All heavy atoms as atom14 arrays in JSON, in Angstrom:
{
  "sequence": "FDAVFYPAISALTPEIVPVDLLPAMNAVRPLANNLV",
  "atom14_mask": [
    [1, 1, 1, 1, 1, 1, 1, 1, 1, 1, 1, 0, 0, 0],
    [1, 1, 1, 1, 1, 1, 1, 1, 0, 0, 0, 0, 0, 0],
    [1, 1, 1, 1, 1, 0, 0, 0, 0, 0, 0, 0, 0, 0],
    [1, 1, 1, 1, 1, 1, 1, 0, 0, 0, 0, 0, 0, 0],
    [1, 1, 1, 1, 1, 1, 1, 1, 1, 1, 1, 0, 0, 0],
    [1, 1, 1, 1, 1, 1, 1, 1, 1, 1, 1, 1, 0, 0],
    [1, 1, 1, 1, 1, 1, 1, 0, 0, 0, 0, 0, 0, 0],
    [1, 1, 1, 1, 1, 0, 0, 0, 0, 0, 0, 0, 0, 0],
    [1, 1, 1, 1, 1, 1, 1, 1, 0, 0, 0, 0, 0, 0],
    [1, 1, 1, 1, 1, 1, 0, 0, 0, 0, 0, 0, 0, 0],
    [1, 1, 1, 1, 1, 0, 0, 0, 0, 0, 0, 0, 0, 0],
    [1, 1, 1, 1, 1, 1, 1, 1, 0, 0, 0, 0, 0, 0],
    [1, 1, 1, 1, 1, 1, 1, 0, 0, 0, 0, 0, 0, 0],
    [1, 1, 1, 1, 1, 1, 1, 0, 0, 0, 0, 0, 0, 0],
    [1, 1, 1, 1, 1, 1, 1, 1, 1, 0, 0, 0, 0, 0],
    [1, 1, 1, 1, 1, 1, 1, 1, 0, 0, 0, 0, 0, 0],
    [1, 1, 1, 1, 1, 1, 1, 0, 0, 0, 0, 0, 0, 0],
    [1, 1, 1, 1, 1, 1, 1, 0, 0, 0, 0, 0, 0, 0],
    [1, 1, 1, 1, 1, 1, 1, 0, 0, 0, 0, 0, 0, 0],
    [1, 1, 1, 1, 1, 1, 1, 1, 0, 0, 0, 0, 0, 0],
    [1, 1, 1, 1, 1, 1, 1, 1, 0, 0, 0, 0, 0, 0],
    [1, 1, 1, 1, 1, 1, 1, 1, 0, 0, 0, 0, 0, 0],
    [1, 1, 1, 1, 1, 1, 1, 0, 0, 0, 0, 0, 0, 0],
    [1, 1, 1, 1, 1, 0, 0, 0, 0, 0, 0, 0, 0, 0],
    [1, 1, 1, 1, 1, 1, 1, 1, 0, 0, 0, 0, 0, 0],
    [1, 1, 1, 1, 1, 1, 1, 1, 0, 0, 0, 0, 0, 0],
    [1, 1, 1, 1, 1, 0, 0, 0, 0, 0, 0, 0, 0, 0],
    [1, 1, 1, 1, 1, 1, 1, 0, 0, 0, 0, 0, 0, 0],
    [1, 1, 1, 1, 1, 1, 1, 1, 1, 1, 1, 0, 0, 0],
    [1, 1, 1, 1, 1, 1, 1, 0, 0, 0, 0, 0, 0, 0],
    [1, 1, 1, 1, 1, 1, 1, 1, 0, 0, 0, 0, 0, 0],
    [1, 1, 1, 1, 1, 0, 0, 0, 0, 0, 0, 0, 0, 0],
    [1, 1, 1, 1, 1, 1, 1, 1, 0, 0, 0, 0, 0, 0],
    [1, 1, 1, 1, 1, 1, 1, 1, 0, 0, 0, 0, 0, 0],
    [1, 1, 1, 1, 1, 1, 1, 1, 0, 0, 0, 0, 0, 0],
    [1, 1, 1, 1, 1, 1, 1, 0, 0, 0, 0, 0, 0, 0]
  ],
  "atom14_positions": [
    [[167.81, 59.66, 23.55], [166.93, 58.74, 24.23], [165.5, 59.17, 24.31], [164.57, 58.35, 24.28], [167.44, 58.44, 25.61], [168.69, 57.42, 25.67], [169.89, 57.97, 25.91], [168.57, 56.12, 25.38], [170.99, 57.07, 25.93], [169.6, 55.29, 25.33], [170.81, 55.74, 25.62], [0.0, 0.0, 0.0], [0.0, 0.0, 0.0], [0.0, 0.0, 0.0]],
    [[165.3, 60.44, 24.28], [163.92, 61.04, 24.19], [163.34, 60.59, 22.84], [162.1, 60.39, 22.75], [163.94, 62.59, 24.25], [163.99, 63.09, 25.65], [163.71, 62.34, 26.62], [164.26, 64.3, 25.88], [0.0, 0.0, 0.0], [0.0, 0.0, 0.0], [0.0, 0.0, 0.0], [0.0, 0.0, 0.0], [0.0, 0.0, 0.0], [0.0, 0.0, 0.0]],
    [[164.11, 60.56, 21.82], [163.59, 60.16, 20.46], [163.12, 58.8, 20.42], [162.24, 58.44, 19.53], [164.73, 60.36, 19.39], [0.0, 0.0, 0.0], [0.0, 0.0, 0.0], [0.0, 0.0, 0.0], [0.0, 0.0, 0.0], [0.0, 0.0, 0.0], [0.0, 0.0, 0.0], [0.0, 0.0, 0.0], [0.0, 0.0, 0.0], [0.0, 0.0, 0.0]],
    [[163.6, 57.87, 21.29], [163.07, 56.54, 21.32], [161.81, 56.52, 22.26], [160.85, 55.81, 22.01], [164.2, 55.59, 21.9], [163.6, 54.21, 22.14], [165.39, 55.57, 20.94], [0.0, 0.0, 0.0], [0.0, 0.0, 0.0], [0.0, 0.0, 0.0], [0.0, 0.0, 0.0], [0.0, 0.0, 0.0], [0.0, 0.0, 0.0], [0.0, 0.0, 0.0]],
    [[161.92, 57.35, 23.36], [160.8, 57.23, 24.34], [159.57, 57.7, 23.74], [158.48, 56.97, 24.04], [161.3, 58.19, 25.54], [160.16, 58.35, 26.5], [159.98, 57.43, 27.49], [159.29, 59.51, 26.47], [158.93, 57.63, 28.55], [158.26, 59.65, 27.39], [158.08, 58.68, 28.36], [0.0, 0.0, 0.0], [0.0, 0.0, 0.0], [0.0, 0.0, 0.0]],
    [[159.43, 58.8, 23.07], [158.1, 59.33, 22.64], [157.28, 58.37, 21.74], [156.18, 58.11, 22.02], [158.29, 60.66, 21.94], [158.79, 61.76, 22.93], [159.92, 62.48, 22.73], [158.02, 62.04, 24.11], [160.34, 63.46, 23.63], [158.4, 62.99, 25.01], [159.54, 63.69, 24.82], [159.99, 64.69, 25.7], [0.0, 0.0, 0.0], [0.0, 0.0, 0.0]],
    [[157.95, 57.83, 20.67], [157.2, 56.9, 19.9], [156.87, 55.55, 20.65], [155.83, 54.92, 20.36], [158.03, 56.67, 18.6], [159.37, 56.97, 19.01], [159.28, 58.09, 20.07], [0.0, 0.0, 0.0], [0.0, 0.0, 0.0], [0.0, 0.0, 0.0], [0.0, 0.0, 0.0], [0.0, 0.0, 0.0], [0.0, 0.0, 0.0], [0.0, 0.0, 0.0]],
    [[157.75, 55.17, 21.5], [157.51, 53.99, 22.29], [156.35, 54.0, 23.23], [155.49, 53.04, 23.22], [158.82, 53.58, 23.07], [0.0, 0.0, 0.0], [0.0, 0.0, 0.0], [0.0, 0.0, 0.0], [0.0, 0.0, 0.0], [0.0, 0.0, 0.0], [0.0, 0.0, 0.0], [0.0, 0.0, 0.0], [0.0, 0.0, 0.0], [0.0, 0.0, 0.0]],
    [[156.17, 55.15, 23.95], [155.04, 55.24, 24.86], [153.73, 55.44, 24.07], [152.76, 54.89, 24.48], [155.29, 56.39, 25.77], [154.31, 56.23, 26.93], [155.1, 57.76, 25.16], [154.49, 57.1, 28.21], [0.0, 0.0, 0.0], [0.0, 0.0, 0.0], [0.0, 0.0, 0.0], [0.0, 0.0, 0.0], [0.0, 0.0, 0.0], [0.0, 0.0, 0.0]],
    [[153.78, 56.04, 22.96], [152.59, 56.19, 22.06], [152.14, 54.81, 21.53], [150.93, 54.58, 21.48], [152.82, 57.19, 20.89], [153.12, 58.41, 21.29], [0.0, 0.0, 0.0], [0.0, 0.0, 0.0], [0.0, 0.0, 0.0], [0.0, 0.0, 0.0], [0.0, 0.0, 0.0], [0.0, 0.0, 0.0], [0.0, 0.0, 0.0], [0.0, 0.0, 0.0]],
    [[153.13, 54.0, 21.19], [152.74, 52.62, 20.62], [152.34, 51.63, 21.74], [151.59, 50.73, 21.58], [154.0, 52.04, 19.95], [0.0, 0.0, 0.0], [0.0, 0.0, 0.0], [0.0, 0.0, 0.0], [0.0, 0.0, 0.0], [0.0, 0.0, 0.0], [0.0, 0.0, 0.0], [0.0, 0.0, 0.0], [0.0, 0.0, 0.0], [0.0, 0.0, 0.0]],
    [[152.94, 51.83, 23.01], [152.66, 50.91, 24.11], [151.24, 51.13, 24.55], [150.58, 50.17, 24.99], [153.63, 51.06, 25.2], [153.43, 50.25, 26.45], [153.67, 48.73, 26.11], [154.42, 50.65, 27.56], [0.0, 0.0, 0.0], [0.0, 0.0, 0.0], [0.0, 0.0, 0.0], [0.0, 0.0, 0.0], [0.0, 0.0, 0.0], [0.0, 0.0, 0.0]],
    [[150.72, 52.35, 24.64], [149.5, 52.59, 25.27], [148.32, 51.72, 24.7], [147.65, 51.07, 25.47], [149.09, 54.08, 25.2], [150.12, 54.9, 25.8], [147.71, 54.37, 25.79], [0.0, 0.0, 0.0], [0.0, 0.0, 0.0], [0.0, 0.0, 0.0], [0.0, 0.0, 0.0], [0.0, 0.0, 0.0], [0.0, 0.0, 0.0], [0.0, 0.0, 0.0]],
    [[148.09, 51.66, 23.43], [147.07, 50.8, 22.92], [147.26, 49.3, 23.13], [146.28, 48.56, 23.09], [146.88, 51.14, 21.41], [148.28, 51.75, 21.12], [148.8, 52.37, 22.34], [0.0, 0.0, 0.0], [0.0, 0.0, 0.0], [0.0, 0.0, 0.0], [0.0, 0.0, 0.0], [0.0, 0.0, 0.0], [0.0, 0.0, 0.0], [0.0, 0.0, 0.0]],
    [[148.49, 48.99, 23.42], [148.83, 47.55, 23.67], [148.29, 47.01, 25.04], [147.97, 45.92, 25.2], [150.25, 47.22, 23.57], [150.81, 47.32, 22.16], [152.31, 46.94, 22.18], [152.84, 46.57, 23.2], [152.94, 47.04, 21.07], [0.0, 0.0, 0.0], [0.0, 0.0, 0.0], [0.0, 0.0, 0.0], [0.0, 0.0, 0.0], [0.0, 0.0, 0.0]],
    [[148.3, 48.0, 26.05], [147.93, 47.56, 27.4], [146.63, 48.09, 27.86], [146.3, 47.73, 28.96], [149.14, 48.08, 28.29], [149.19, 49.55, 28.41], [150.45, 47.43, 27.93], [150.12, 50.13, 29.38], [0.0, 0.0, 0.0], [0.0, 0.0, 0.0], [0.0, 0.0, 0.0], [0.0, 0.0, 0.0], [0.0, 0.0, 0.0], [0.0, 0.0, 0.0]],
    [[145.97, 48.96, 27.12], [144.79, 49.55, 27.59], [143.57, 48.99, 26.67], [143.71, 49.02, 25.5], [144.72, 51.08, 27.44], [143.43, 51.66, 27.87], [145.96, 51.68, 28.22], [0.0, 0.0, 0.0], [0.0, 0.0, 0.0], [0.0, 0.0, 0.0], [0.0, 0.0, 0.0], [0.0, 0.0, 0.0], [0.0, 0.0, 0.0], [0.0, 0.0, 0.0]],
    [[142.5, 48.52, 27.34], [141.33, 48.07, 26.58], [140.83, 49.15, 25.67], [140.92, 50.34, 26.08], [140.33, 47.63, 27.64], [141.21, 47.36, 28.9], [142.4, 48.3, 28.76], [0.0, 0.0, 0.0], [0.0, 0.0, 0.0], [0.0, 0.0, 0.0], [0.0, 0.0, 0.0], [0.0, 0.0, 0.0], [0.0, 0.0, 0.0], [0.0, 0.0, 0.0]],
    [[140.31, 48.76, 24.53], [139.86, 49.77, 23.52], [138.89, 50.77, 24.07], [138.97, 51.92, 23.86], [139.27, 49.03, 22.28], [138.76, 50.04, 21.31], [140.34, 48.15, 21.54], [0.0, 0.0, 0.0], [0.0, 0.0, 0.0], [0.0, 0.0, 0.0], [0.0, 0.0, 0.0], [0.0, 0.0, 0.0], [0.0, 0.0, 0.0], [0.0, 0.0, 0.0]],
    [[137.97, 50.19, 24.92], [136.86, 51.21, 25.42], [137.37, 52.11, 26.5], [136.68, 53.08, 26.9], [135.72, 50.28, 26.02], [136.16, 49.31, 27.12], [137.28, 48.75, 27.01], [135.41, 49.17, 28.08], [0.0, 0.0, 0.0], [0.0, 0.0, 0.0], [0.0, 0.0, 0.0], [0.0, 0.0, 0.0], [0.0, 0.0, 0.0], [0.0, 0.0, 0.0]],
    [[138.61, 51.83, 26.99], [139.12, 52.66, 27.93], [140.23, 53.65, 27.49], [140.85, 54.52, 28.17], [139.77, 51.97, 29.23], [138.75, 51.12, 29.92], [139.44, 50.32, 31.06], [137.69, 52.0, 30.59], [0.0, 0.0, 0.0], [0.0, 0.0, 0.0], [0.0, 0.0, 0.0], [0.0, 0.0, 0.0], [0.0, 0.0, 0.0], [0.0, 0.0, 0.0]],
    [[140.5, 53.55, 26.12], [141.49, 54.38, 25.59], [141.3, 55.86, 25.64], [142.13, 56.7, 25.99], [141.82, 54.07, 24.03], [142.77, 52.92, 23.88], [142.75, 52.54, 22.31], [144.17, 53.24, 24.22], [0.0, 0.0, 0.0], [0.0, 0.0, 0.0], [0.0, 0.0, 0.0], [0.0, 0.0, 0.0], [0.0, 0.0, 0.0], [0.0, 0.0, 0.0]],
    [[139.99, 56.32, 25.45], [139.7, 57.7, 25.61], [139.99, 58.24, 27.1], [140.57, 59.4, 27.36], [138.14, 57.85, 25.48], [137.9, 56.69, 24.5], [138.74, 55.58, 24.98], [0.0, 0.0, 0.0], [0.0, 0.0, 0.0], [0.0, 0.0, 0.0], [0.0, 0.0, 0.0], [0.0, 0.0, 0.0], [0.0, 0.0, 0.0], [0.0, 0.0, 0.0]],
    [[139.76, 57.34, 28.06], [140.13, 57.79, 29.42], [141.59, 57.92, 29.61], [142.07, 58.82, 30.29], [139.56, 56.79, 30.49], [0.0, 0.0, 0.0], [0.0, 0.0, 0.0], [0.0, 0.0, 0.0], [0.0, 0.0, 0.0], [0.0, 0.0, 0.0], [0.0, 0.0, 0.0], [0.0, 0.0, 0.0], [0.0, 0.0, 0.0], [0.0, 0.0, 0.0]],
    [[142.34, 56.96, 28.98], [143.77, 56.96, 29.16], [144.37, 58.17, 28.46], [145.22, 58.88, 29.01], [144.36, 55.71, 28.47], [145.83, 55.55, 28.63], [146.42, 55.3, 30.35], [148.14, 54.78, 30.07], [0.0, 0.0, 0.0], [0.0, 0.0, 0.0], [0.0, 0.0, 0.0], [0.0, 0.0, 0.0], [0.0, 0.0, 0.0], [0.0, 0.0, 0.0]],
    [[143.73, 58.5, 27.27], [144.27, 59.71, 26.57], [143.87, 60.96, 27.26], [144.5, 62.06, 27.02], [143.62, 59.72, 25.21], [144.18, 58.52, 24.32], [145.36, 58.12, 24.55], [143.42, 58.05, 23.38], [0.0, 0.0, 0.0], [0.0, 0.0, 0.0], [0.0, 0.0, 0.0], [0.0, 0.0, 0.0], [0.0, 0.0, 0.0], [0.0, 0.0, 0.0]],
    [[142.95, 60.98, 28.18], [142.57, 62.09, 28.96], [143.4, 62.3, 30.22], [143.82, 63.34, 30.57], [141.05, 62.11, 29.38], [0.0, 0.0, 0.0], [0.0, 0.0, 0.0], [0.0, 0.0, 0.0], [0.0, 0.0, 0.0], [0.0, 0.0, 0.0], [0.0, 0.0, 0.0], [0.0, 0.0, 0.0], [0.0, 0.0, 0.0], [0.0, 0.0, 0.0]],
    [[143.75, 61.14, 30.88], [144.45, 61.13, 32.15], [145.93, 61.5, 31.89], [146.44, 62.33, 32.64], [144.33, 59.67, 32.76], [145.38, 59.59, 33.88], [142.96, 59.42, 33.25], [0.0, 0.0, 0.0], [0.0, 0.0, 0.0], [0.0, 0.0, 0.0], [0.0, 0.0, 0.0], [0.0, 0.0, 0.0], [0.0, 0.0, 0.0], [0.0, 0.0, 0.0]],
    [[146.49, 60.89, 30.84], [147.99, 61.16, 30.73], [148.36, 62.68, 30.45], [149.19, 63.24, 31.11], [148.55, 60.35, 29.55], [148.92, 58.94, 29.91], [149.62, 58.25, 28.83], [150.79, 59.01, 28.37], [151.12, 59.02, 27.03], [150.47, 58.3, 26.22], [152.2, 59.72, 26.67], [0.0, 0.0, 0.0], [0.0, 0.0, 0.0], [0.0, 0.0, 0.0]],
    [[147.65, 63.32, 29.51], [147.97, 64.79, 29.36], [147.63, 65.61, 30.58], [148.39, 66.57, 30.89], [147.11, 65.27, 28.2], [146.81, 64.0, 27.44], [146.67, 62.96, 28.49], [0.0, 0.0, 0.0], [0.0, 0.0, 0.0], [0.0, 0.0, 0.0], [0.0, 0.0, 0.0], [0.0, 0.0, 0.0], [0.0, 0.0, 0.0], [0.0, 0.0, 0.0]],
    [[146.52, 65.23, 31.3], [146.18, 66.03, 32.49], [147.24, 65.85, 33.55], [147.68, 66.83, 34.11], [144.89, 65.46, 33.09], [144.38, 66.09, 34.34], [144.17, 67.57, 34.16], [143.18, 65.35, 34.86], [0.0, 0.0, 0.0], [0.0, 0.0, 0.0], [0.0, 0.0, 0.0], [0.0, 0.0, 0.0], [0.0, 0.0, 0.0], [0.0, 0.0, 0.0]],
    [[147.76, 64.61, 33.71], [148.89, 64.4, 34.75], [150.14, 65.12, 34.27], [150.83, 65.7, 35.11], [149.1, 62.84, 34.86], [0.0, 0.0, 0.0], [0.0, 0.0, 0.0], [0.0, 0.0, 0.0], [0.0, 0.0, 0.0], [0.0, 0.0, 0.0], [0.0, 0.0, 0.0], [0.0, 0.0, 0.0], [0.0, 0.0, 0.0], [0.0, 0.0, 0.0]],
    [[150.43, 65.03, 33.02], [151.66, 65.64, 32.48], [151.61, 67.17, 32.63], [152.64, 67.84, 33.07], [151.94, 65.28, 31.03], [152.3, 63.78, 30.93], [152.75, 63.15, 31.83], [152.12, 63.27, 29.65], [0.0, 0.0, 0.0], [0.0, 0.0, 0.0], [0.0, 0.0, 0.0], [0.0, 0.0, 0.0], [0.0, 0.0, 0.0], [0.0, 0.0, 0.0]],
    [[150.48, 67.68, 32.3], [150.36, 69.24, 32.36], [150.41, 69.73, 33.78], [151.05, 70.7, 34.15], [149.12, 69.74, 31.69], [149.17, 69.54, 30.15], [150.3, 69.57, 29.64], [148.02, 69.29, 29.54], [0.0, 0.0, 0.0], [0.0, 0.0, 0.0], [0.0, 0.0, 0.0], [0.0, 0.0, 0.0], [0.0, 0.0, 0.0], [0.0, 0.0, 0.0]],
    [[149.62, 69.07, 34.66], [149.47, 69.5, 36.03], [150.9, 69.24, 36.83], [151.38, 70.13, 37.43], [148.34, 68.79, 36.76], [148.2, 69.08, 38.27], [147.82, 70.48, 38.5], [147.14, 68.19, 38.84], [0.0, 0.0, 0.0], [0.0, 0.0, 0.0], [0.0, 0.0, 0.0], [0.0, 0.0, 0.0], [0.0, 0.0, 0.0], [0.0, 0.0, 0.0]],
    [[151.36, 68.09, 36.76], [152.5, 67.69, 37.43], [153.8, 68.17, 36.8], [154.67, 68.72, 37.4], [152.66, 66.11, 37.66], [153.88, 65.74, 38.37], [151.34, 65.72, 38.43], [0.0, 0.0, 0.0], [0.0, 0.0, 0.0], [0.0, 0.0, 0.0], [0.0, 0.0, 0.0], [0.0, 0.0, 0.0], [0.0, 0.0, 0.0], [0.0, 0.0, 0.0]]
  ]
}
């Protein structure tokens, strides 16, 4: 199920985030994952 999860979340992100906010999204997710 991890094998489905990883490509799915990578593909979903640009679908729901405005193009100009993608850099912010790409900064927030790794920060949250690493810290938490």
